[in-house]
C-alpha cells in the first residue's frame, strides 16, 4: 500500500474518531502507535486540520455565518466580474480568477477542512490588493461592497482558523535513561482551545 492511500486512510480514521467524540490528543496517540512509518508531524498535521465535535458545536453559529458570507461573496464576485467584463477594462479575465478559486475553497469549507478555511483569508488579502487599481478606475461604488465582504471573510477565516484548528506543540518529557543520565524526549501535544 503506497503512502498516499495510507494518508487517505488516516484522514478517514481521524474524521471517524473525532466524530465519536475523541480529543485530538487521543486520536494522535492511537494513530501514531498504529502508523509508525509516518512521522509524528505528518499525522499531527492531518489531525490539526479537522475539527472536533465539541469545537463544531461551540462554533456552529460562526461557521454558519462564515458559510453565508462566502455564498454572498461568491454571488457578488461573479456579478462584479461579469460587470467588469462587460465594461471592458483591460485584463478582464483576471477578475474571474478570484470567484473561481473561492468556489473551490468553498467546497473545502463545507467539508470543514482547516486549510481551506485559512486559505479563504489569504485569498481575501490578494483580493484587496488586486482591487486597489479598480477603485481608481470608475469602479469605486462596486468595489466598496466587494472590499467589505472580503474584510468580513478575512476576519471570520482567521477567527475560525485559530479557534477550530489550534496548533500543536512539542513538549519535552524529561527522564533518566538506562545508564542513569538525564535525557529528554520530544512529544507532540495538542493545545485545546476553550
N, C-alpha and C. Protein backbone atom coordinates (compact mmCIF):
# COMPACT_ATOMS: atom_id res chain seq x y z
N UNK A 1 0.85 -1.17 0.00
CA UNK A 1 0.00 0.00 0.00
C UNK A 1 0.90 1.24 0.00
N UNK A 2 0.67 2.14 -0.95
CA UNK A 2 1.53 3.33 -1.03
C UNK A 2 1.16 4.36 0.04
N UNK A 3 2.03 5.36 0.16
CA UNK A 3 1.88 6.33 1.25
C UNK A 3 0.65 7.22 1.07
N UNK A 4 0.29 7.55 -0.18
CA UNK A 4 -0.88 8.41 -0.40
C UNK A 4 -2.17 7.71 0.02
N UNK A 5 -2.29 6.44 -0.31
CA UNK A 5 -3.52 5.73 0.07
C UNK A 5 -3.57 5.53 1.59
N UNK A 6 -2.41 5.35 2.21
CA UNK A 6 -2.38 5.24 3.68
C UNK A 6 -2.72 6.58 4.33
N UNK A 7 -2.32 7.67 3.68
CA UNK A 7 -2.66 9.00 4.21
C UNK A 7 -4.18 9.23 4.15
N UNK A 8 -4.81 8.79 3.07
CA UNK A 8 -6.26 8.89 2.96
C UNK A 8 -6.94 8.03 4.02
N UNK A 9 -6.35 6.89 4.29
CA UNK A 9 -6.89 6.02 5.33
C UNK A 9 -6.79 6.69 6.70
N UNK A 10 -5.67 7.37 6.94
CA UNK A 10 -5.50 8.10 8.20
C UNK A 10 -6.54 9.21 8.31
N UNK A 11 -6.75 9.97 7.22
CA UNK A 11 -7.75 11.04 7.23
C UNK A 11 -9.13 10.49 7.55
N UNK A 12 -9.46 9.36 6.94
CA UNK A 12 -10.76 8.75 7.19
C UNK A 12 -10.90 8.35 8.66
N UNK A 13 -9.84 7.75 9.22
CA UNK A 13 -9.88 7.34 10.63
C UNK A 13 -9.94 8.55 11.57
N UNK A 14 -9.24 9.63 11.20
CA UNK A 14 -9.27 10.84 12.03
C UNK A 14 -10.69 11.39 12.09
N UNK A 15 -11.33 11.51 10.94
CA UNK A 15 -12.70 12.03 10.91
C UNK A 15 -13.64 11.13 11.72
N UNK A 16 -13.48 9.82 11.56
CA UNK A 16 -14.32 8.87 12.28
C UNK A 16 -14.13 8.99 13.79
N UNK A 17 -12.87 9.06 14.24
CA UNK A 17 -12.61 9.12 15.68
C UNK A 17 -13.03 10.46 16.28
N UNK A 18 -12.86 11.55 15.53
CA UNK A 18 -13.28 12.86 16.04
C UNK A 18 -14.80 12.94 16.12
N UNK A 19 -15.51 12.28 15.19
CA UNK A 19 -16.97 12.25 15.25
C UNK A 19 -17.47 11.46 16.45
N UNK A 20 -16.67 10.48 16.89
CA UNK A 20 -17.05 9.69 18.06
C UNK A 20 -16.84 10.45 19.36
N UNK A 21 -16.19 11.63 19.27
CA UNK A 21 -16.01 12.46 20.45
C UNK A 21 -14.63 12.38 21.07
N UNK A 22 -13.70 11.73 20.42
CA UNK A 22 -12.33 11.66 20.96
C UNK A 22 -11.65 13.02 20.83
N UNK A 23 -10.72 13.28 21.74
CA UNK A 23 -9.95 14.53 21.63
C UNK A 23 -8.86 14.33 20.59
N UNK A 24 -8.29 15.43 20.13
CA UNK A 24 -7.23 15.36 19.13
C UNK A 24 -6.01 14.63 19.68
N UNK A 25 -5.73 14.81 20.96
CA UNK A 25 -4.57 14.14 21.56
C UNK A 25 -4.78 12.63 21.59
N UNK A 26 -5.99 12.18 21.95
CA UNK A 26 -6.29 10.75 21.96
C UNK A 26 -6.18 10.15 20.56
N UNK A 27 -6.69 10.88 19.57
CA UNK A 27 -6.61 10.40 18.19
C UNK A 27 -5.15 10.32 17.75
N UNK A 28 -4.37 11.34 18.09
CA UNK A 28 -2.95 11.33 17.71
C UNK A 28 -2.22 10.16 18.34
N UNK A 29 -2.43 9.95 19.64
CA UNK A 29 -1.72 8.87 20.34
C UNK A 29 -2.04 7.51 19.73
N UNK A 30 -3.31 7.27 19.41
CA UNK A 30 -3.67 5.96 18.86
C UNK A 30 -3.17 5.79 17.42
N UNK A 31 -3.27 6.84 16.61
CA UNK A 31 -2.83 6.71 15.22
C UNK A 31 -1.31 6.69 15.08
N UNK A 32 -0.61 7.39 15.95
CA UNK A 32 0.85 7.38 15.89
C UNK A 32 1.40 6.01 16.27
N UNK A 33 0.72 5.33 17.19
CA UNK A 33 1.13 3.97 17.54
C UNK A 33 0.82 3.00 16.41
N UNK A 34 -0.30 3.24 15.71
CA UNK A 34 -0.72 2.33 14.63
C UNK A 34 0.09 2.54 13.35
N UNK A 35 0.40 3.79 13.01
CA UNK A 35 1.13 4.11 11.77
C UNK A 35 2.53 4.60 12.11
N UNK A 36 3.36 3.69 12.52
CA UNK A 36 4.72 4.06 12.95
C UNK A 36 5.62 4.45 11.78
N UNK A 37 5.23 4.15 10.53
CA UNK A 37 6.05 4.54 9.39
C UNK A 37 5.88 6.01 9.02
N UNK A 38 4.87 6.67 9.58
CA UNK A 38 4.67 8.11 9.36
C UNK A 38 5.39 8.89 10.46
N UNK A 39 5.88 10.04 10.11
CA UNK A 39 6.50 10.92 11.11
C UNK A 39 5.39 11.53 11.97
N UNK A 40 5.74 11.91 13.19
CA UNK A 40 4.74 12.42 14.12
C UNK A 40 4.07 13.69 13.60
N UNK A 41 4.84 14.58 12.97
CA UNK A 41 4.25 15.83 12.48
C UNK A 41 3.33 15.61 11.29
N UNK A 42 3.54 14.54 10.51
CA UNK A 42 2.64 14.25 9.38
C UNK A 42 1.25 13.87 9.89
N UNK A 43 1.21 13.05 10.89
CA UNK A 43 -0.08 12.66 11.48
C UNK A 43 -0.70 13.84 12.21
N UNK A 44 0.13 14.62 12.90
CA UNK A 44 -0.39 15.77 13.65
C UNK A 44 -1.01 16.81 12.71
N UNK A 45 -0.44 17.03 11.54
CA UNK A 45 -1.00 17.99 10.59
C UNK A 45 -2.35 17.54 10.06
N UNK A 46 -2.49 16.24 9.83
CA UNK A 46 -3.78 15.72 9.37
C UNK A 46 -4.83 15.94 10.45
N UNK A 47 -4.48 15.65 11.69
CA UNK A 47 -5.42 15.81 12.79
C UNK A 47 -5.72 17.28 13.04
N UNK A 48 -4.72 18.12 12.94
CA UNK A 48 -4.89 19.55 13.21
C UNK A 48 -5.94 20.19 12.30
N UNK A 49 -6.02 19.75 11.07
CA UNK A 49 -6.91 20.38 10.08
C UNK A 49 -8.32 19.82 10.09
N UNK A 50 -8.67 19.06 11.11
CA UNK A 50 -10.03 18.54 11.26
C UNK A 50 -10.59 19.00 12.60
N UNK A 51 -11.82 19.48 12.63
CA UNK A 51 -12.39 19.97 13.90
C UNK A 51 -12.96 18.84 14.76
N UNK A 52 -12.94 19.05 16.05
CA UNK A 52 -13.58 18.10 16.97
C UNK A 52 -15.08 18.39 17.00
N UNK A 53 -15.86 17.42 17.47
CA UNK A 53 -17.31 17.63 17.53
C UNK A 53 -17.66 18.72 18.54
N UNK A 54 -16.93 18.77 19.65
CA UNK A 54 -17.16 19.81 20.65
C UNK A 54 -16.90 21.20 20.06
N UNK A 55 -15.84 21.32 19.30
CA UNK A 55 -15.50 22.59 18.66
C UNK A 55 -16.55 22.98 17.62
N UNK A 56 -17.01 22.00 16.85
CA UNK A 56 -18.04 22.29 15.85
C UNK A 56 -19.33 22.75 16.51
N UNK A 57 -19.67 22.15 17.62
CA UNK A 57 -20.88 22.54 18.34
C UNK A 57 -20.75 23.95 18.90
N UNK A 58 -19.57 24.25 19.45
CA UNK A 58 -19.34 25.55 20.07
C UNK A 58 -19.30 26.68 19.04
N UNK A 59 -18.76 26.41 17.85
CA UNK A 59 -18.60 27.45 16.83
C UNK A 59 -19.58 27.30 15.68
N UNK A 60 -20.71 26.65 15.93
CA UNK A 60 -21.69 26.38 14.88
C UNK A 60 -22.23 27.66 14.25
N UNK A 61 -22.56 28.65 15.06
CA UNK A 61 -23.14 29.88 14.51
C UNK A 61 -22.10 30.69 13.74
N UNK A 62 -20.86 30.69 14.21
CA UNK A 62 -19.81 31.41 13.49
C UNK A 62 -19.55 30.74 12.15
N UNK A 63 -19.54 29.40 12.14
CA UNK A 63 -19.33 28.65 10.91
C UNK A 63 -20.48 28.88 9.93
N UNK A 64 -21.69 28.94 10.46
CA UNK A 64 -22.85 29.22 9.60
C UNK A 64 -22.75 30.62 9.01
N UNK A 65 -22.38 31.59 9.82
CA UNK A 65 -22.19 32.95 9.32
C UNK A 65 -21.09 33.03 8.29
N UNK A 66 -20.02 32.29 8.49
CA UNK A 66 -18.92 32.25 7.52
C UNK A 66 -19.38 31.65 6.20
N UNK A 67 -20.16 30.59 6.28
CA UNK A 67 -20.68 29.95 5.06
C UNK A 67 -21.61 30.89 4.31
N UNK A 68 -22.49 31.57 5.02
CA UNK A 68 -23.40 32.53 4.38
C UNK A 68 -22.62 33.68 3.76
N UNK A 69 -21.60 34.16 4.47
CA UNK A 69 -20.77 35.25 3.93
C UNK A 69 -20.05 34.82 2.65
N UNK A 70 -19.61 33.58 2.59
CA UNK A 70 -18.95 33.10 1.37
C UNK A 70 -19.95 33.02 0.22
N UNK A 71 -21.15 32.55 0.49
CA UNK A 71 -22.17 32.46 -0.57
C UNK A 71 -22.49 33.86 -1.11
N UNK A 72 -22.67 34.82 -0.21
CA UNK A 72 -22.94 36.20 -0.64
C UNK A 72 -21.75 36.76 -1.41
N UNK A 73 -20.54 36.50 -0.90
CA UNK A 73 -19.33 36.99 -1.58
C UNK A 73 -19.17 36.36 -2.95
N UNK A 74 -19.50 35.09 -3.08
CA UNK A 74 -19.40 34.44 -4.40
C UNK A 74 -20.37 35.07 -5.39
N UNK A 75 -21.61 35.28 -4.96
CA UNK A 75 -22.59 35.91 -5.85
C UNK A 75 -22.13 37.31 -6.24
N UNK A 76 -21.63 38.06 -5.28
CA UNK A 76 -21.17 39.42 -5.54
C UNK A 76 -19.95 39.42 -6.45
N UNK A 77 -19.02 38.51 -6.22
CA UNK A 77 -17.79 38.47 -7.02
C UNK A 77 -18.08 38.06 -8.46
N UNK A 78 -19.01 37.11 -8.65
CA UNK A 78 -19.36 36.75 -10.03
C UNK A 78 -20.07 37.92 -10.72
N UNK A 79 -20.95 38.60 -10.00
CA UNK A 79 -21.61 39.78 -10.56
C UNK A 79 -20.58 40.85 -10.91
N UNK A 80 -19.67 41.06 -9.99
CA UNK A 80 -18.61 42.05 -10.17
C UNK A 80 -17.74 41.71 -11.39
N UNK A 81 -17.37 40.45 -11.53
CA UNK A 81 -16.51 40.03 -12.64
C UNK A 81 -17.23 40.18 -13.98
N UNK A 82 -18.51 39.83 -14.02
CA UNK A 82 -19.27 39.98 -15.26
C UNK A 82 -19.41 41.46 -15.60
N UNK A 83 -19.64 42.30 -14.61
CA UNK A 83 -19.77 43.73 -14.83
C UNK A 83 -18.48 44.33 -15.39
N UNK A 84 -17.34 43.92 -14.86
CA UNK A 84 -16.06 44.40 -15.38
C UNK A 84 -15.83 43.90 -16.80
N UNK A 85 -16.21 42.65 -17.03
CA UNK A 85 -16.04 42.07 -18.37
C UNK A 85 -16.87 42.82 -19.41
N UNK A 86 -18.08 43.17 -19.03
CA UNK A 86 -18.97 43.89 -19.96
C UNK A 86 -18.44 45.29 -20.24
N UNK A 87 -17.94 45.96 -19.22
CA UNK A 87 -17.42 47.32 -19.42
C UNK A 87 -16.07 47.33 -20.12
N UNK A 88 -15.37 46.20 -20.12
CA UNK A 88 -14.12 46.08 -20.85
C UNK A 88 -13.00 46.98 -20.35
N UNK A 89 -12.37 46.58 -19.27
CA UNK A 89 -11.29 47.39 -18.71
C UNK A 89 -9.99 46.60 -18.68
N UNK A 90 -9.37 46.39 -19.77
CA UNK A 90 -8.06 45.75 -19.78
C UNK A 90 -8.13 44.25 -19.59
N UNK A 91 -7.48 43.74 -18.57
CA UNK A 91 -7.38 42.31 -18.35
C UNK A 91 -8.64 41.78 -17.65
N UNK A 92 -9.69 41.60 -18.44
CA UNK A 92 -10.98 41.21 -17.88
C UNK A 92 -10.97 39.81 -17.29
N UNK A 93 -10.26 38.90 -17.92
CA UNK A 93 -10.26 37.51 -17.46
C UNK A 93 -9.64 37.36 -16.07
N UNK A 94 -8.80 38.27 -15.69
CA UNK A 94 -8.12 38.22 -14.40
C UNK A 94 -9.12 38.26 -13.24
N UNK A 95 -10.20 38.97 -13.38
CA UNK A 95 -11.16 39.14 -12.29
C UNK A 95 -12.08 37.94 -12.11
N UNK A 96 -12.02 36.96 -13.02
CA UNK A 96 -12.76 35.73 -12.83
C UNK A 96 -11.98 34.72 -11.99
N UNK A 97 -10.69 34.96 -11.78
CA UNK A 97 -9.86 34.03 -11.03
C UNK A 97 -10.32 33.95 -9.57
N UNK A 98 -10.58 35.08 -8.94
CA UNK A 98 -10.96 35.09 -7.52
C UNK A 98 -12.25 34.32 -7.25
N UNK A 99 -13.32 34.55 -8.01
CA UNK A 99 -14.53 33.77 -7.71
C UNK A 99 -14.37 32.27 -7.99
N UNK A 100 -13.57 31.93 -8.98
CA UNK A 100 -13.37 30.51 -9.29
C UNK A 100 -12.58 29.83 -8.16
N UNK A 101 -11.50 30.46 -7.72
CA UNK A 101 -10.71 29.90 -6.62
C UNK A 101 -11.54 29.85 -5.34
N UNK A 102 -12.31 30.89 -5.07
CA UNK A 102 -13.17 30.91 -3.88
C UNK A 102 -14.22 29.80 -3.96
N UNK A 103 -14.70 29.49 -5.15
CA UNK A 103 -15.66 28.39 -5.31
C UNK A 103 -15.04 27.06 -4.91
N UNK A 104 -13.79 26.83 -5.33
CA UNK A 104 -13.10 25.60 -4.95
C UNK A 104 -12.83 25.55 -3.44
N UNK A 105 -12.45 26.68 -2.87
CA UNK A 105 -12.21 26.72 -1.42
C UNK A 105 -13.52 26.51 -0.65
N UNK A 106 -14.63 26.95 -1.22
CA UNK A 106 -15.92 26.80 -0.58
C UNK A 106 -16.26 25.31 -0.39
N UNK A 107 -15.85 24.49 -1.34
CA UNK A 107 -16.07 23.04 -1.20
C UNK A 107 -15.31 22.52 0.02
N UNK A 108 -14.08 22.99 0.19
CA UNK A 108 -13.31 22.61 1.37
C UNK A 108 -13.91 23.13 2.67
N UNK A 109 -14.49 24.33 2.62
CA UNK A 109 -15.13 24.90 3.80
C UNK A 109 -16.33 24.06 4.20
N UNK A 110 -17.09 23.60 3.21
CA UNK A 110 -18.24 22.74 3.52
C UNK A 110 -17.79 21.41 4.12
N UNK A 111 -16.60 20.94 3.73
CA UNK A 111 -16.05 19.72 4.31
C UNK A 111 -15.34 19.99 5.64
N UNK A 112 -15.33 21.25 6.06
CA UNK A 112 -14.70 21.71 7.30
C UNK A 112 -13.21 21.38 7.35
N UNK A 113 -12.55 21.70 6.26
CA UNK A 113 -11.11 21.50 6.14
C UNK A 113 -10.40 22.76 6.62
N UNK A 114 -9.46 22.60 7.54
CA UNK A 114 -8.76 23.74 8.13
C UNK A 114 -7.96 24.55 7.13
N UNK A 115 -7.32 23.87 6.19
CA UNK A 115 -6.51 24.59 5.20
C UNK A 115 -7.38 25.44 4.29
N UNK A 116 -8.54 24.94 3.91
CA UNK A 116 -9.44 25.71 3.05
C UNK A 116 -9.97 26.94 3.77
N UNK A 117 -10.32 26.79 5.04
CA UNK A 117 -10.82 27.93 5.80
C UNK A 117 -9.75 29.00 5.94
N UNK A 118 -8.52 28.60 6.20
CA UNK A 118 -7.42 29.56 6.31
C UNK A 118 -7.12 30.21 4.96
N UNK A 119 -7.18 29.43 3.89
CA UNK A 119 -6.87 29.97 2.56
C UNK A 119 -7.91 30.96 2.06
N UNK A 120 -9.13 30.90 2.57
CA UNK A 120 -10.13 31.92 2.23
C UNK A 120 -9.63 33.29 2.70
N UNK A 121 -9.04 33.33 3.88
CA UNK A 121 -8.49 34.59 4.40
C UNK A 121 -7.32 35.09 3.56
N UNK A 122 -6.42 34.18 3.17
CA UNK A 122 -5.29 34.58 2.34
C UNK A 122 -5.76 35.07 0.97
N UNK A 123 -6.77 34.41 0.42
CA UNK A 123 -7.32 34.86 -0.86
C UNK A 123 -7.93 36.25 -0.72
N UNK A 124 -8.51 36.53 0.43
CA UNK A 124 -9.07 37.86 0.68
C UNK A 124 -8.01 38.95 0.65
N UNK A 125 -6.83 38.67 1.21
CA UNK A 125 -5.75 39.64 1.16
C UNK A 125 -5.36 39.95 -0.29
N UNK A 126 -5.26 38.90 -1.10
CA UNK A 126 -4.91 39.11 -2.51
C UNK A 126 -6.02 39.86 -3.25
N UNK A 127 -7.26 39.61 -2.87
CA UNK A 127 -8.38 40.30 -3.49
C UNK A 127 -8.34 41.80 -3.20
N UNK A 128 -7.97 42.17 -1.99
CA UNK A 128 -7.87 43.59 -1.64
C UNK A 128 -6.77 44.26 -2.45
N UNK A 129 -5.63 43.59 -2.55
CA UNK A 129 -4.51 44.16 -3.33
C UNK A 129 -4.88 44.30 -4.79
N UNK A 130 -5.57 43.31 -5.35
CA UNK A 130 -5.97 43.37 -6.75
C UNK A 130 -7.05 44.42 -6.98
N UNK A 131 -7.84 44.72 -5.95
CA UNK A 131 -8.94 45.66 -6.12
C UNK A 131 -8.54 47.12 -6.03
N UNK A 132 -7.34 47.40 -5.54
CA UNK A 132 -6.92 48.80 -5.40
C UNK A 132 -6.91 49.55 -6.74
N UNK A 133 -6.39 48.97 -7.83
CA UNK A 133 -6.44 49.70 -9.11
C UNK A 133 -7.86 49.96 -9.60
N UNK A 134 -8.81 49.07 -9.24
CA UNK A 134 -10.19 49.27 -9.68
C UNK A 134 -10.86 50.44 -8.97
N UNK A 135 -10.46 50.68 -7.75
CA UNK A 135 -11.04 51.82 -7.02
C UNK A 135 -10.69 53.11 -7.75
N UNK A 136 -9.55 53.13 -8.38
CA UNK A 136 -9.10 54.32 -9.08
C UNK A 136 -9.67 54.43 -10.50
N UNK A 137 -10.38 53.40 -10.96
CA UNK A 137 -10.90 53.38 -12.33
C UNK A 137 -12.42 53.30 -12.37
N UNK A 138 -13.13 54.24 -11.88
CA UNK A 138 -14.58 54.35 -12.00
C UNK A 138 -15.37 53.22 -11.38
N UNK A 139 -14.77 52.32 -10.66
CA UNK A 139 -15.49 51.19 -10.09
C UNK A 139 -15.61 51.29 -8.57
N UNK A 140 -15.49 52.47 -8.04
CA UNK A 140 -15.44 52.63 -6.59
C UNK A 140 -16.73 52.16 -5.91
N UNK A 141 -17.89 52.39 -6.51
CA UNK A 141 -19.14 52.01 -5.87
C UNK A 141 -19.33 50.50 -5.85
N UNK A 142 -18.91 49.84 -6.91
CA UNK A 142 -19.00 48.38 -6.95
C UNK A 142 -17.96 47.78 -6.01
N UNK A 143 -16.80 48.39 -5.97
CA UNK A 143 -15.67 47.83 -5.23
C UNK A 143 -15.84 47.94 -3.71
N UNK A 144 -16.58 48.93 -3.24
CA UNK A 144 -16.74 49.10 -1.79
C UNK A 144 -17.43 47.89 -1.18
N UNK A 145 -18.48 47.40 -1.81
CA UNK A 145 -19.17 46.21 -1.32
C UNK A 145 -18.27 44.99 -1.34
N UNK A 146 -17.51 44.86 -2.39
CA UNK A 146 -16.59 43.73 -2.51
C UNK A 146 -15.53 43.78 -1.42
N UNK A 147 -14.99 44.95 -1.16
CA UNK A 147 -13.97 45.08 -0.11
C UNK A 147 -14.54 44.80 1.27
N UNK A 148 -15.75 45.26 1.53
CA UNK A 148 -16.37 44.99 2.83
C UNK A 148 -16.62 43.50 3.04
N UNK A 149 -17.12 42.83 2.00
CA UNK A 149 -17.32 41.38 2.10
C UNK A 149 -16.00 40.65 2.29
N UNK A 150 -14.97 41.12 1.62
CA UNK A 150 -13.66 40.49 1.74
C UNK A 150 -13.11 40.65 3.15
N UNK A 151 -13.29 41.82 3.73
CA UNK A 151 -12.80 42.05 5.10
C UNK A 151 -13.54 41.14 6.09
N UNK A 152 -14.84 40.97 5.91
CA UNK A 152 -15.61 40.06 6.77
C UNK A 152 -15.09 38.63 6.62
N UNK A 153 -14.82 38.21 5.38
CA UNK A 153 -14.30 36.86 5.16
C UNK A 153 -12.93 36.66 5.81
N UNK A 154 -12.07 37.68 5.72
CA UNK A 154 -10.74 37.57 6.32
C UNK A 154 -10.85 37.44 7.84
N UNK A 155 -11.69 38.27 8.45
CA UNK A 155 -11.83 38.23 9.91
C UNK A 155 -12.40 36.88 10.37
N UNK A 156 -13.46 36.41 9.71
CA UNK A 156 -14.06 35.13 10.10
C UNK A 156 -13.12 33.96 9.84
N UNK A 157 -12.38 34.03 8.75
CA UNK A 157 -11.43 32.97 8.42
C UNK A 157 -10.33 32.87 9.47
N UNK A 158 -9.77 33.98 9.85
CA UNK A 158 -8.71 33.97 10.85
C UNK A 158 -9.24 33.53 12.23
N UNK A 159 -10.44 33.99 12.56
CA UNK A 159 -11.04 33.60 13.85
C UNK A 159 -11.27 32.09 13.90
N UNK A 160 -11.90 31.55 12.85
CA UNK A 160 -12.17 30.11 12.83
C UNK A 160 -10.88 29.29 12.79
N UNK A 161 -9.89 29.78 12.08
CA UNK A 161 -8.62 29.04 11.99
C UNK A 161 -7.93 28.94 13.34
N UNK A 162 -8.00 30.01 14.12
CA UNK A 162 -7.33 29.96 15.43
C UNK A 162 -8.16 29.20 16.47
N UNK A 163 -9.48 29.26 16.39
CA UNK A 163 -10.32 28.60 17.38
C UNK A 163 -10.58 27.13 17.07
N UNK A 164 -10.80 26.80 15.80
CA UNK A 164 -11.14 25.43 15.43
C UNK A 164 -9.92 24.55 15.22
N UNK A 165 -8.84 25.14 14.75
CA UNK A 165 -7.68 24.35 14.37
C UNK A 165 -6.42 24.87 15.06
N UNK A 166 -6.37 24.73 16.39
CA UNK A 166 -5.20 25.23 17.11
C UNK A 166 -3.96 24.43 16.75
N UNK A 167 -2.82 25.07 16.87
CA UNK A 167 -1.56 24.40 16.56
C UNK A 167 -1.20 23.43 17.66
N UNK A 168 -0.41 22.48 17.29
CA UNK A 168 0.14 21.56 18.28
C UNK A 168 1.52 22.07 18.65
N UNK A 169 2.05 21.56 19.74
CA UNK A 169 3.38 21.99 20.15
C UNK A 169 4.19 20.78 20.58
N UNK A 170 5.48 20.94 20.55
CA UNK A 170 6.38 19.90 21.04
C UNK A 170 6.68 20.17 22.50
N UNK A 171 6.50 19.17 23.33
CA UNK A 171 6.86 19.26 24.74
C UNK A 171 7.96 18.25 25.02
N UNK A 172 8.86 18.64 25.87
CA UNK A 172 9.96 17.74 26.23
C UNK A 172 9.61 17.03 27.53
N UNK A 173 9.63 15.73 27.45
CA UNK A 173 9.40 14.91 28.64
C UNK A 173 10.77 14.47 29.13
N UNK A 174 11.10 14.88 30.32
CA UNK A 174 12.42 14.57 30.87
C UNK A 174 12.35 13.28 31.67
N UNK A 175 13.44 12.54 31.57
CA UNK A 175 13.52 11.28 32.29
C UNK A 175 14.98 10.85 32.43
N UNK A 176 15.16 9.65 32.88
CA UNK A 176 16.50 9.11 33.07
C UNK A 176 16.60 7.85 32.21
N UNK A 177 17.69 7.74 31.43
CA UNK A 177 17.86 6.56 30.60
C UNK A 177 18.43 5.40 31.40
N UNK A 178 18.73 4.30 30.74
CA UNK A 178 19.21 3.09 31.41
C UNK A 178 20.57 3.29 32.07
N UNK A 179 21.36 4.24 31.55
CA UNK A 179 22.69 4.50 32.12
C UNK A 179 22.64 5.51 33.27
N UNK A 180 21.47 5.99 33.60
CA UNK A 180 21.33 6.93 34.70
C UNK A 180 21.51 8.39 34.31
N UNK A 181 21.60 8.67 33.02
CA UNK A 181 21.75 10.06 32.56
C UNK A 181 20.38 10.67 32.30
N UNK A 182 20.32 11.97 32.55
CA UNK A 182 19.08 12.69 32.26
C UNK A 182 18.97 12.88 30.75
N UNK A 183 17.77 12.68 30.26
CA UNK A 183 17.53 12.90 28.83
C UNK A 183 16.09 13.36 28.64
N UNK A 184 15.85 13.96 27.49
CA UNK A 184 14.51 14.44 27.18
C UNK A 184 14.02 13.85 25.87
N UNK A 185 12.73 13.66 25.79
CA UNK A 185 12.11 13.15 24.56
C UNK A 185 11.03 14.14 24.16
N UNK A 186 11.04 14.54 22.90
CA UNK A 186 10.03 15.49 22.43
C UNK A 186 8.80 14.74 21.95
N UNK A 187 7.65 15.18 22.44
CA UNK A 187 6.38 14.59 22.04
C UNK A 187 5.43 15.71 21.63
N UNK A 188 4.50 15.38 20.77
CA UNK A 188 3.51 16.36 20.31
C UNK A 188 2.33 16.39 21.26
N UNK A 189 1.92 17.61 21.61
CA UNK A 189 0.74 17.83 22.44
C UNK A 189 -0.16 18.83 21.74
N UNK A 190 -1.44 18.50 21.68
CA UNK A 190 -2.40 19.41 21.08
C UNK A 190 -2.91 20.36 22.15
N UNK A 191 -3.01 21.62 21.80
CA UNK A 191 -3.49 22.65 22.71
C UNK A 191 -5.00 22.79 22.47
N UNK A 192 -5.77 22.47 23.48
CA UNK A 192 -7.22 22.57 23.35
C UNK A 192 -7.65 24.01 23.66
N UNK A 193 -8.36 24.62 22.73
CA UNK A 193 -8.86 25.99 22.94
C UNK A 193 -10.18 25.94 23.68
N UNK A 194 -10.35 26.88 24.57
CA UNK A 194 -11.62 26.98 25.32
C UNK A 194 -12.61 27.81 24.56
